[in-house]
Amino acid sequence: MRTARTKLGEQEILGPITPLLPHELPPSPPVSPPPTTGSKRKHDSHDDAHNKKPRISDPSTSRLPPVPPFPHPPRPGHEPSEDGEVREDLPAFHTSLAAASNVPVRRPRRCPLPVEHFQELYHRYMYHGRLLKHSSQKRLDSTFQPSHPSYKPLADPPAPGTSYHKYGHLFSRLERVESLLCFAYAFWAKDIAKNEWDQESWESMDNFISYVKEEWQLSKVTDERERTFIGLIYMTQAFIDGRAVSYFAKHNYSAAESAMQVALGQLDLENARNGRGSATQAVHPPPVTSMLPSPASSAGSTPTSVQGTPNASASGSTPVPSSAPAPSQAPALESSSKKKKPELVHFYEWKNVPDAMNTLVKTQSVAQLRNQSRSLKMVGYYMQEAQRYLTLPAMARHFPRTFARMMYSSLAPTDEKEPDVEDEEGELFWPGNPATGDGLAWVCAMGKAMVKEFGKAYGYKGIDGIVAGLNVPPPPPIRPPKSSVPRR
């Protein structure tokens, strides 16, 4: 028989007994559904991502369409993601292009601006360009060693430790680039006001552009962000020469076309007396009605004639080639050729000009043609050099604010009169092709935005931080233009 002492010994062996559960237990959780097809690794990563809190500063949660971040090398120790798996350590660009702070402000469209507005722009930016150019040279001379022959101390030097004291040489180069942009924008506004290309003004820019470019190249800039300004200088030069090429092409075309028609008429009279063919028909041949054979006719054998219209029906039947075009087609071709404007004549249509045809050409016309050909050649060279340093990927990396103002813009290439180059929040536009003769104002607006965005990190103040000493009367203030209904 078990005694009380025996029961106590058994309880000591079992140890302390935990309290019993209550009679009413909480309801049990529902049974989890079976995992879907896929590896356990993918299922676990999905659960972990589901339990994580969303990032407030994540660009993907912005009200704007997400922009893919720039690729970064994978971190050491991280396994490559499997096919179809969302990585948890996606790199985030520190200044996301989709951030709300980078979206440009859509300014109201301005009414057709009067001529007086562009005249005021010309006087204002010529004044700014002179001040910045003078300040740049004075600041550069003060950065030399006291023993250097070019050293000239400033009358009112910046206090030690300030940004203008520490980055004097860099600020001198920034002022020089900004003065170039001011001069280019001033001459552009002068052209718009006069509705012509002012050759004398633009020719005065050549030596100064070389001077600005030389200063940046002699500094042996190695920083990629600073080297974009070298590309900006080349791009400005390309658009200036492109503007000249476009003007001369439009200006000289009518005179060249008239001289060509007179020469062709004289040659036709001479050919008629000698019984030869017409020179005008040789230069302007009738339209060719022959076309390439259809795939169905060329699949089996080589056709003997390529004239006729290929059969575009879905039946696949072989078309019957004709030796001459159908009568119903000839009038349509003639009418379309008669309606062709001289501006639309292709270059290769002048290849049949007879070699014996001579015409008197002024020496000035030959010089203009030579300068036009040289400028066109230099435009291509300048753009190639500009694209070595200044590209859209480089803008996105080093000037995200300016890049976003161009990418999220609703402006068109023909809206270069709309923006204010001093506006730091408005819309911009990536300059197009310099061969069109337009886009120089876009280059100036983009360049000013680049200078402001770059200089803000160093404390650069632009026209507000120049070295005083140039006695030039300031121009009258610009009257604000009227605005129309805001753009949608």
Protein backbone atom coordinates (compact mmCIF):
# COMPACT_ATOMS: atom_id res chain seq x y z
CA MET A 1 0.00 0.00 0.00
CA ARG A 2 1.07 3.52 -0.87
CA THR A 3 1.54 5.59 2.19
CA ALA A 4 1.51 9.36 2.51
CA ARG A 5 5.28 9.38 2.69
CA THR A 6 5.47 7.50 -0.60
CA LYS A 7 3.16 10.01 -2.33
CA LEU A 8 5.24 12.94 -1.10
CA GLY A 9 8.38 11.34 -2.49
CA GLU A 10 6.75 10.89 -5.89
CA GLN A 11 5.70 14.56 -5.96
CA GLU A 12 9.25 15.63 -5.17
CA ILE A 13 10.49 13.59 -8.12
CA LEU A 14 7.97 15.25 -10.49
CA GLY A 15 8.91 18.73 -9.34
CA PRO A 16 6.57 21.75 -9.11
CA ILE A 17 3.31 21.42 -11.01
CA THR A 18 2.28 24.34 -13.27
CA PRO A 19 -1.22 25.79 -12.83
CA LEU A 20 -3.92 24.26 -14.97
CA LEU A 21 -5.42 26.07 -17.98
CA PRO A 22 -8.79 27.80 -17.60
CA HIS A 23 -11.93 26.05 -18.71
CA GLU A 24 -12.71 28.61 -21.48
CA LEU A 25 -9.88 28.91 -24.03
CA PRO A 26 -9.65 31.65 -26.73
CA PRO A 27 -10.60 30.59 -30.27
CA SER A 28 -7.77 29.02 -32.22
CA PRO A 29 -6.41 30.84 -35.33
CA PRO A 30 -7.64 29.66 -38.73
CA VAL A 31 -5.67 27.06 -40.54
CA SER A 32 -3.11 28.69 -42.88
CA PRO A 33 -3.56 27.81 -46.55
CA PRO A 34 -1.03 25.49 -48.12
CA PRO A 35 1.95 27.27 -49.77
CA THR A 36 1.76 27.89 -53.49
CA THR A 37 4.12 26.39 -55.98
CA GLY A 38 7.65 27.68 -55.60
CA SER A 39 10.64 27.23 -53.42
CA LYS A 40 10.57 27.65 -49.67
CA ARG A 41 13.12 30.44 -50.02
CA LYS A 42 10.73 32.52 -52.09
CA HIS A 43 7.87 31.91 -49.65
CA ASP A 44 9.95 32.96 -46.67
CA SER A 45 11.17 36.12 -48.38
CA HIS A 46 7.57 36.99 -49.27
CA ASP A 47 6.52 36.65 -45.61
CA ASP A 48 9.44 38.79 -44.48
CA ALA A 49 8.62 41.49 -47.00
CA HIS A 50 4.96 41.36 -45.95
CA ASN A 51 5.84 41.91 -42.30
CA LYS A 52 8.14 44.85 -43.02
CA LYS A 53 6.86 48.38 -42.56
CA PRO A 54 6.69 50.47 -45.75
CA ARG A 55 9.39 53.08 -46.13
CA ILE A 56 8.00 56.58 -45.96
CA SER A 57 10.80 58.06 -48.08
CA ASP A 58 10.65 55.36 -50.73
CA PRO A 59 10.42 56.99 -54.19
CA SER A 60 7.95 54.32 -55.30
CA THR A 61 5.34 55.72 -52.89
CA SER A 62 5.47 59.15 -54.51
CA ARG A 63 2.59 60.57 -56.43
CA LEU A 64 4.72 60.60 -59.58
CA PRO A 65 5.60 57.68 -61.84
CA PRO A 66 8.59 55.81 -60.41
CA VAL A 67 11.97 56.32 -62.01
CA PRO A 68 14.38 53.36 -62.01
CA PRO A 69 17.37 53.95 -59.75
CA PHE A 70 20.87 53.93 -61.09
CA PRO A 71 22.65 50.57 -60.99
CA HIS A 72 25.11 50.04 -58.18
CA PRO A 73 27.57 47.19 -57.76
CA PRO A 74 26.22 44.40 -55.53
CA ARG A 75 27.27 44.49 -51.93
CA PRO A 76 29.78 41.85 -50.88
CA GLY A 77 28.28 38.92 -49.04
CA HIS A 78 24.85 39.15 -50.68
CA GLU A 79 23.64 36.28 -52.77
CA PRO A 80 22.37 37.03 -56.27
CA SER A 81 18.61 37.15 -56.53
CA GLU A 82 16.86 34.22 -58.09
CA ASP A 83 14.80 34.52 -61.24
CA GLY A 84 11.49 36.17 -60.37
CA GLU A 85 12.49 36.99 -56.80
CA VAL A 86 12.24 40.56 -55.53
CA ARG A 87 15.44 41.57 -53.79
CA GLU A 88 15.13 43.16 -50.39
CA ASP A 89 18.24 45.34 -50.71
CA LEU A 90 17.30 47.33 -53.81
CA PRO A 91 19.63 50.36 -54.10
CA ALA A 92 17.91 53.70 -53.57
CA PHE A 93 19.29 56.81 -55.27
CA HIS A 94 19.94 59.43 -52.63
CA THR A 95 18.35 62.17 -54.72
CA SER A 96 15.57 60.33 -56.46
CA LEU A 97 14.33 61.90 -59.67
CA ALA A 98 10.77 60.98 -58.70
CA ALA A 99 10.90 62.92 -55.43
CA ALA A 100 8.33 65.65 -55.11
CA SER A 101 11.04 68.25 -54.47
CA ASN A 102 12.51 67.65 -57.94
CA VAL A 103 9.30 68.17 -59.89
CA PRO A 104 9.43 71.51 -61.74
CA VAL A 105 6.80 74.17 -61.26
CA ARG A 106 4.60 74.60 -64.32
CA ARG A 107 4.55 78.33 -64.89
CA PRO A 108 1.72 80.07 -66.76
CA ARG A 109 2.33 80.60 -70.42
CA ARG A 110 3.27 84.12 -71.35
CA CYS A 111 1.51 85.98 -74.13
CA PRO A 112 3.47 86.72 -77.32
CA LEU A 113 6.24 88.84 -75.88
CA PRO A 114 6.78 92.32 -77.32
CA VAL A 115 9.99 93.43 -78.95
CA GLU A 116 10.75 95.70 -76.00
CA HIS A 117 10.98 92.68 -73.70
CA PHE A 118 13.82 91.15 -75.70
CA GLN A 119 15.57 94.50 -75.90
CA GLU A 120 15.48 94.68 -72.12
CA LEU A 121 16.81 91.15 -71.89
CA TYR A 122 19.70 92.09 -74.15
CA HIS A 123 20.75 95.09 -72.04
CA ARG A 124 20.33 93.22 -68.75
CA TYR A 125 22.42 90.16 -69.66
CA MET A 126 25.09 92.16 -71.45
CA TYR A 127 25.46 94.03 -68.15
CA HIS A 128 25.58 90.80 -66.14
CA GLY A 129 28.06 89.26 -68.56
CA ARG A 130 30.46 92.18 -68.24
CA LEU A 131 30.28 92.14 -64.44
CA LEU A 132 30.90 88.39 -64.26
CA LYS A 133 33.75 88.52 -66.76
CA HIS A 134 35.47 91.33 -64.83
CA SER A 135 34.98 89.55 -61.51
CA SER A 136 36.29 86.27 -62.91
CA GLN A 137 39.55 87.83 -64.07
CA LYS A 138 40.08 89.76 -60.83
CA ARG A 139 39.40 86.65 -58.75
CA LEU A 140 41.72 84.51 -60.87
CA ASP A 141 44.58 87.00 -60.51
CA SER A 142 44.21 86.91 -56.73
CA THR A 143 44.62 83.12 -56.57
CA PHE A 144 48.25 83.12 -57.74
CA GLN A 145 51.16 83.02 -55.36
CA PRO A 146 52.37 86.47 -54.26
CA SER A 147 55.66 85.83 -56.07
CA HIS A 148 53.88 85.14 -59.38
CA PRO A 149 54.00 88.01 -61.91
CA SER A 150 50.24 87.72 -62.56
CA TYR A 151 49.31 88.03 -58.90
CA LYS A 152 47.04 90.97 -58.11
CA PRO A 153 45.42 91.08 -54.67
CA LEU A 154 41.81 92.04 -54.31
CA ALA A 155 40.98 95.43 -52.85
CA ASP A 156 38.37 93.82 -50.60
CA PRO A 157 39.38 90.15 -50.22
CA PRO A 158 36.92 87.63 -48.75
CA ALA A 159 37.34 86.74 -45.10
CA PRO A 160 39.49 83.68 -44.37
CA GLY A 161 37.48 80.50 -43.99
CA THR A 162 34.60 81.64 -46.18
CA SER A 163 33.62 79.78 -49.32
CA TYR A 164 34.91 82.55 -51.62
CA HIS A 165 38.26 82.36 -49.85
CA LYS A 166 38.56 78.57 -50.03
CA TYR A 167 37.21 78.06 -53.57
CA GLY A 168 38.46 81.20 -55.29
CA HIS A 169 39.79 79.45 -58.39
CA LEU A 170 36.67 77.31 -58.83
CA PHE A 171 34.40 80.34 -58.44
CA SER A 172 36.47 82.21 -61.00
CA ARG A 173 35.80 79.47 -63.55
CA LEU A 174 32.10 79.37 -62.68
CA GLU A 175 31.83 83.13 -63.15
CA ARG A 176 33.53 82.78 -66.52
CA VAL A 177 31.08 80.12 -67.70
CA GLU A 178 28.14 82.13 -66.42
CA SER A 179 29.38 85.24 -68.22
CA LEU A 180 29.56 83.22 -71.45
CA LEU A 181 25.96 82.12 -70.98
CA CYS A 182 24.88 85.70 -70.28
CA PHE A 183 26.56 87.01 -73.45
CA ALA A 184 25.05 84.22 -75.57
CA TYR A 185 21.59 84.81 -74.13
CA ALA A 186 21.92 88.57 -74.67
CA PHE A 187 22.86 88.18 -78.34
CA TRP A 188 20.06 85.66 -78.82
CA ALA A 189 17.56 88.17 -77.40
CA LYS A 190 19.02 90.83 -79.70
CA ASP A 191 18.44 88.58 -82.72
CA ILE A 192 14.85 87.98 -81.64
CA ALA A 193 14.24 91.71 -81.20
CA LYS A 194 15.73 92.58 -84.61
CA ASN A 195 14.41 89.43 -86.32
CA GLU A 196 17.80 88.77 -87.91
CA TRP A 197 21.20 87.26 -87.22
CA ASP A 198 23.63 89.90 -86.00
CA GLN A 199 26.87 88.67 -87.52
CA GLU A 200 29.10 91.28 -85.90
CA SER A 201 27.90 90.47 -82.39
CA TRP A 202 28.32 86.73 -82.77
CA GLU A 203 31.79 87.04 -84.31
CA SER A 204 32.89 88.91 -81.19
CA MET A 205 32.14 85.77 -79.16
CA ASP A 206 34.77 83.56 -80.82
CA ASN A 207 37.81 84.76 -78.89
CA PHE A 208 35.96 84.84 -75.58
CA ILE A 209 34.67 81.26 -75.99
CA SER A 210 38.22 80.08 -76.67
CA TYR A 211 39.39 81.99 -73.60
CA VAL A 212 36.77 80.39 -71.35
CA LYS A 213 37.40 76.93 -72.76
CA GLU A 214 41.16 77.30 -72.34
CA GLU A 215 40.82 78.26 -68.68
CA TRP A 216 38.82 75.12 -67.89
CA GLN A 217 41.12 72.86 -69.87
CA LEU A 218 44.31 74.32 -68.38
CA SER A 219 42.92 73.69 -64.91
CA LYS A 220 43.13 69.96 -65.69
CA VAL A 221 39.76 69.24 -64.17
CA THR A 222 39.45 65.56 -63.25
CA ASP A 223 36.13 65.61 -61.39
CA GLU A 224 33.39 64.26 -63.65
CA ARG A 225 30.86 66.76 -62.36
CA GLU A 226 33.11 69.72 -63.15
CA ARG A 227 33.98 68.33 -66.56
CA THR A 228 30.34 68.62 -67.59
CA PHE A 229 30.94 72.37 -67.83
CA ILE A 230 33.54 71.73 -70.52
CA GLY A 231 30.81 69.94 -72.45
CA LEU A 232 28.50 72.89 -71.79
CA ILE A 233 31.03 75.28 -73.35
CA TYR A 234 31.33 73.09 -76.45
CA MET A 235 27.55 72.76 -76.70
CA THR A 236 27.13 76.55 -76.50
CA GLN A 237 29.66 76.97 -79.27
CA ALA A 238 27.91 74.35 -81.40
CA PHE A 239 24.53 76.05 -81.10
CA ILE A 240 26.03 79.47 -81.89
CA ASP A 241 27.61 78.16 -85.10
CA GLY A 242 24.48 76.16 -85.89
CA ARG A 243 22.48 79.35 -85.68
CA ALA A 244 24.83 80.97 -88.21
CA VAL A 245 24.65 77.99 -90.58
CA SER A 246 20.86 77.96 -90.48
CA TYR A 247 20.66 81.69 -91.13
CA PHE A 248 23.02 81.60 -94.10
CA ALA A 249 21.27 78.56 -95.57
CA LYS A 250 17.89 80.30 -95.46
CA HIS A 251 19.33 83.63 -96.61
CA ASN A 252 21.33 82.29 -99.56
CA TYR A 253 18.89 79.69 -100.84
CA SER A 254 16.61 82.04 -102.77
CA ALA A 255 19.52 83.79 -104.48
CA ALA A 256 21.17 80.49 -105.39
CA GLU A 257 17.90 79.09 -106.73
CA SER A 258 17.31 82.16 -108.89
CA ALA A 259 20.86 82.07 -110.28
CA MET A 260 20.49 78.38 -111.07
CA GLN A 261 17.23 78.91 -112.96
CA VAL A 262 18.74 81.74 -115.02
CA ALA A 263 21.75 79.61 -115.90
CA LEU A 264 19.53 76.67 -116.86
CA GLY A 265 17.42 78.90 -119.10
CA GLN A 266 20.51 80.16 -120.92
CA LEU A 267 21.77 76.62 -121.38
CA ASP A 268 18.39 75.51 -122.76
CA LEU A 269 18.56 78.21 -125.43
CA GLU A 270 22.05 77.10 -126.40
CA ASN A 271 21.02 73.44 -126.51
CA ALA A 272 17.99 74.26 -128.63
CA ARG A 273 20.20 75.97 -131.22
CA ASN A 274 22.59 72.99 -131.27
CA GLY A 275 19.85 70.35 -131.26
CA ARG A 276 20.67 68.97 -127.82
CA GLY A 277 18.31 68.07 -124.99
CA SER A 278 16.98 70.35 -122.32
CA ALA A 279 19.24 71.06 -119.37
CA THR A 280 16.25 71.73 -117.14
CA GLN A 281 14.97 68.18 -117.64
CA ALA A 282 18.45 66.86 -116.90
CA VAL A 283 18.56 68.72 -113.62
CA HIS A 284 14.91 68.01 -112.75
CA PRO A 285 14.27 64.52 -114.23
CA PRO A 286 10.68 63.25 -114.43
CA PRO A 287 9.54 61.14 -111.48
CA VAL A 288 10.49 57.48 -111.65
CA THR A 289 7.46 55.21 -111.60
CA SER A 290 9.35 51.92 -111.31
CA MET A 291 9.21 50.15 -107.99
CA LEU A 292 10.77 47.12 -106.43
CA PRO A 293 9.20 43.76 -107.33
CA SER A 294 6.87 42.15 -104.86
CA PRO A 295 8.16 39.25 -102.77
CA ALA A 296 5.80 36.89 -104.61
CA SER A 297 7.27 37.72 -108.03
CA SER A 298 10.89 37.54 -106.88
CA ALA A 299 10.52 34.30 -104.95
CA GLY A 300 10.59 31.96 -107.96
CA SER A 301 12.55 33.78 -110.63
CA THR A 302 14.15 37.11 -111.39
CA PRO A 303 11.64 39.39 -113.15
CA THR A 304 12.59 40.97 -116.44
CA SER A 305 11.03 44.28 -115.50
CA VAL A 306 10.70 46.02 -112.16
CA GLN A 307 8.01 48.42 -113.25
CA GLY A 308 4.50 48.21 -112.02
CA THR A 309 2.92 48.39 -108.61
CA PRO A 310 3.45 45.41 -106.29
CA ASN A 311 0.29 43.59 -105.33
CA ALA A 312 -0.42 44.19 -101.66
CA SER A 313 -3.44 41.88 -101.47
CA ALA A 314 -3.50 38.96 -99.10
CA SER A 315 -4.24 36.45 -101.85
CA GLY A 316 -0.56 36.06 -102.69
CA SER A 317 -1.15 36.11 -106.48
CA THR A 318 1.77 37.19 -108.65
CA PRO A 319 1.23 40.64 -110.17
CA VAL A 320 1.53 41.11 -113.88
CA PRO A 321 4.37 43.52 -114.65
CA SER A 322 3.60 46.26 -117.11
CA SER A 323 5.96 47.99 -119.47
CA ALA A 324 4.43 51.41 -118.74
CA PRO A 325 2.46 52.85 -115.89
CA ALA A 326 -1.29 52.76 -116.03
CA PRO A 327 -2.92 55.81 -117.60
CA SER A 328 -4.76 56.57 -114.38
CA GLN A 329 -1.48 56.75 -112.44
CA ALA A 330 0.43 59.15 -114.72
CA PRO A 331 -1.64 62.31 -114.08
CA ALA A 332 -1.40 61.80 -110.31
CA LEU A 333 2.39 61.54 -110.47
CA GLU A 334 2.63 64.62 -112.68
CA SER A 335 0.41 66.68 -110.40
CA SER A 336 2.38 65.68 -107.33
CA SER A 337 5.65 66.63 -109.01
CA LYS A 338 4.28 70.01 -110.08
CA LYS A 339 3.22 70.81 -106.53
CA LYS A 340 6.68 70.11 -105.14
CA LYS A 341 8.14 73.23 -103.54
CA PRO A 342 11.73 74.26 -104.24
CA GLU A 343 12.55 73.94 -100.54
CA LEU A 344 11.72 70.23 -100.71
CA VAL A 345 14.07 69.42 -103.61
CA HIS A 346 16.53 66.78 -102.45
CA PHE A 347 20.24 67.32 -102.75
CA TYR A 348 20.74 64.38 -105.10
CA GLU A 349 18.35 65.87 -107.67
CA TRP A 350 21.09 68.37 -108.64
CA LYS A 351 23.59 65.66 -109.53
CA ASN A 352 22.77 65.90 -113.25
CA VAL A 353 23.86 69.54 -113.61
CA PRO A 354 25.94 69.70 -116.84
CA ASP A 355 29.64 70.37 -116.32
CA ALA A 356 29.71 72.79 -119.25
CA MET A 357 27.28 75.17 -117.58
CA ASN A 358 29.08 78.25 -116.26
CA THR A 359 27.65 81.17 -114.34
CA LEU A 360 29.06 84.30 -112.79
CA VAL A 361 29.40 84.11 -109.02
CA LYS A 362 30.45 86.96 -106.79
CA THR A 363 33.46 86.51 -104.58
CA GLN A 364 31.34 87.35 -101.54
CA SER A 365 29.00 84.47 -102.35
CA VAL A 366 31.94 82.07 -102.54
CA ALA A 367 33.23 83.34 -99.20
CA GLN A 368 29.81 82.87 -97.60
CA LEU A 369 29.55 79.34 -98.98
CA ARG A 370 33.00 78.56 -97.63
CA ASN A 371 32.16 79.94 -94.18
CA GLN A 372 28.87 78.05 -94.17
CA SER A 373 30.59 74.76 -95.02
CA ARG A 374 33.29 75.37 -92.41
CA SER A 375 30.73 76.26 -89.74
CA LEU A 376 28.71 73.15 -90.50
CA LYS A 377 31.84 71.05 -90.14
CA MET A 378 32.71 72.73 -86.84
CA VAL A 379 29.17 72.24 -85.47
CA GLY A 380 29.64 68.48 -85.79
CA TYR A 381 33.04 68.67 -84.10
CA TYR A 382 31.76 70.79 -81.21
CA MET A 383 28.83 68.47 -80.58
CA GLN A 384 31.10 65.43 -80.57
CA GLU A 385 33.30 67.11 -77.97
CA ALA A 386 30.27 68.20 -75.94
CA GLN A 387 28.92 64.65 -75.83
CA ARG A 388 32.17 63.43 -74.31
CA TYR A 389 31.38 65.32 -71.11
CA LEU A 390 27.73 66.40 -71.13
CA THR A 391 25.10 63.70 -71.61
CA LEU A 392 21.72 62.88 -70.11
CA PRO A 393 23.18 60.12 -67.86
CA ALA A 394 25.78 62.60 -66.60
CA MET A 395 23.05 65.15 -65.93
CA ALA A 396 21.00 62.58 -64.03
CA ARG A 397 23.98 61.61 -61.85
CA HIS A 398 25.38 65.02 -61.05
CA PHE A 399 22.54 67.47 -61.67
CA PRO A 400 19.37 65.59 -60.68
CA ARG A 401 17.41 68.76 -60.07
CA THR A 402 18.15 70.21 -63.52
CA PHE A 403 17.64 66.79 -65.09
CA ALA A 404 14.18 66.44 -63.54
CA ARG A 405 13.20 69.92 -64.70
CA MET A 406 13.85 68.75 -68.26
CA MET A 407 12.40 65.25 -68.01
CA TYR A 408 9.14 66.32 -66.31
CA SER A 409 8.68 69.30 -68.62
CA SER A 410 5.60 70.00 -70.70
CA LEU A 411 7.40 72.54 -72.88
CA ALA A 412 8.17 71.97 -76.56
CA PRO A 413 11.36 72.74 -78.51
CA THR A 414 9.69 75.88 -79.89
CA ASP A 415 8.97 77.26 -76.39
CA GLU A 416 12.47 78.58 -75.71
CA LYS A 417 11.06 82.09 -75.25
CA GLU A 418 8.88 80.93 -72.36
CA PRO A 419 11.21 80.23 -69.40
CA ASP A 420 13.07 82.74 -67.29
CA VAL A 421 16.73 81.74 -67.12
CA GLU A 422 16.90 82.92 -63.51
CA ASP A 423 14.03 80.66 -62.46
CA GLU A 424 15.29 77.78 -60.31
CA GLU A 425 12.01 75.85 -60.18
CA GLY A 426 10.41 76.18 -63.61
CA GLU A 427 10.41 73.77 -66.52
CA LEU A 428 13.33 73.34 -68.91
CA PHE A 429 13.97 71.41 -72.11
CA TRP A 430 16.95 69.37 -73.25
CA PRO A 431 18.50 71.24 -76.23
CA GLY A 432 17.78 69.56 -79.53
CA ASN A 433 19.75 69.67 -82.77
CA PRO A 434 21.90 72.77 -83.45
CA ALA A 435 21.38 72.32 -87.21
CA THR A 436 17.85 73.73 -86.85
CA GLY A 437 19.22 77.13 -85.82
CA ASP A 438 17.12 77.09 -82.64
CA GLY A 439 17.75 75.86 -79.11
CA LEU A 440 20.44 78.31 -77.98
CA ALA A 441 18.13 79.76 -75.34
CA TRP A 442 17.56 76.24 -73.99
CA VAL A 443 21.34 75.79 -73.69
CA CYS A 444 21.62 79.05 -71.76
CA ALA A 445 18.72 78.19 -69.44
CA MET A 446 20.08 74.70 -68.78
CA GLY A 447 23.59 76.06 -68.23
CA LYS A 448 22.41 78.66 -65.72
CA ALA A 449 20.51 75.93 -63.85
CA MET A 450 23.64 73.76 -63.80
CA VAL A 451 25.76 76.60 -62.39
CA LYS A 452 23.21 77.33 -59.68
CA GLU A 453 22.79 73.67 -58.70
CA PHE A 454 26.53 73.02 -58.67
CA GLY A 455 27.46 76.22 -56.87
CA LYS A 456 24.85 75.83 -54.15
CA ALA A 457 26.92 73.09 -52.47
CA TYR A 458 29.94 75.43 -52.28
CA GLY A 459 28.18 78.69 -51.43
CA TYR A 460 28.51 80.25 -54.88
CA LYS A 461 26.25 83.31 -55.24
CA GLY A 462 26.64 84.18 -58.91
CA ILE A 463 25.99 87.82 -59.77
CA ASP A 464 25.41 88.60 -56.08
CA GLY A 465 28.96 87.57 -55.11
CA ILE A 466 31.03 89.27 -57.80
CA VAL A 467 34.12 91.36 -57.21
CA ALA A 468 33.14 95.02 -57.43
CA GLY A 469 35.15 97.58 -59.35
CA LEU A 470 33.66 97.78 -62.86
CA ASN A 471 31.98 101.12 -63.43
CA VAL A 472 29.17 100.23 -65.83
CA PRO A 473 25.76 101.89 -65.52
CA PRO A 474 23.07 99.31 -64.78
CA PRO A 475 20.28 98.81 -67.32
CA PRO A 476 16.67 99.68 -66.53
CA PRO A 477 14.69 96.92 -64.80
CA ILE A 478 12.81 94.44 -66.95
CA ARG A 479 9.07 94.87 -66.95
CA PRO A 480 7.35 91.59 -66.13
CA PRO A 481 5.52 90.21 -69.18
CA LYS A 482 1.85 89.39 -69.07
CA SER A 483 0.72 85.82 -68.46
CA SER A 484 -2.12 83.86 -69.95
CA VAL A 485 -4.10 80.92 -68.62
CA PRO A 486 -1.85 78.38 -66.85
CA ARG A 487 -0.94 75.25 -68.77
CA ARG A 488 -2.69 72.05 -67.89
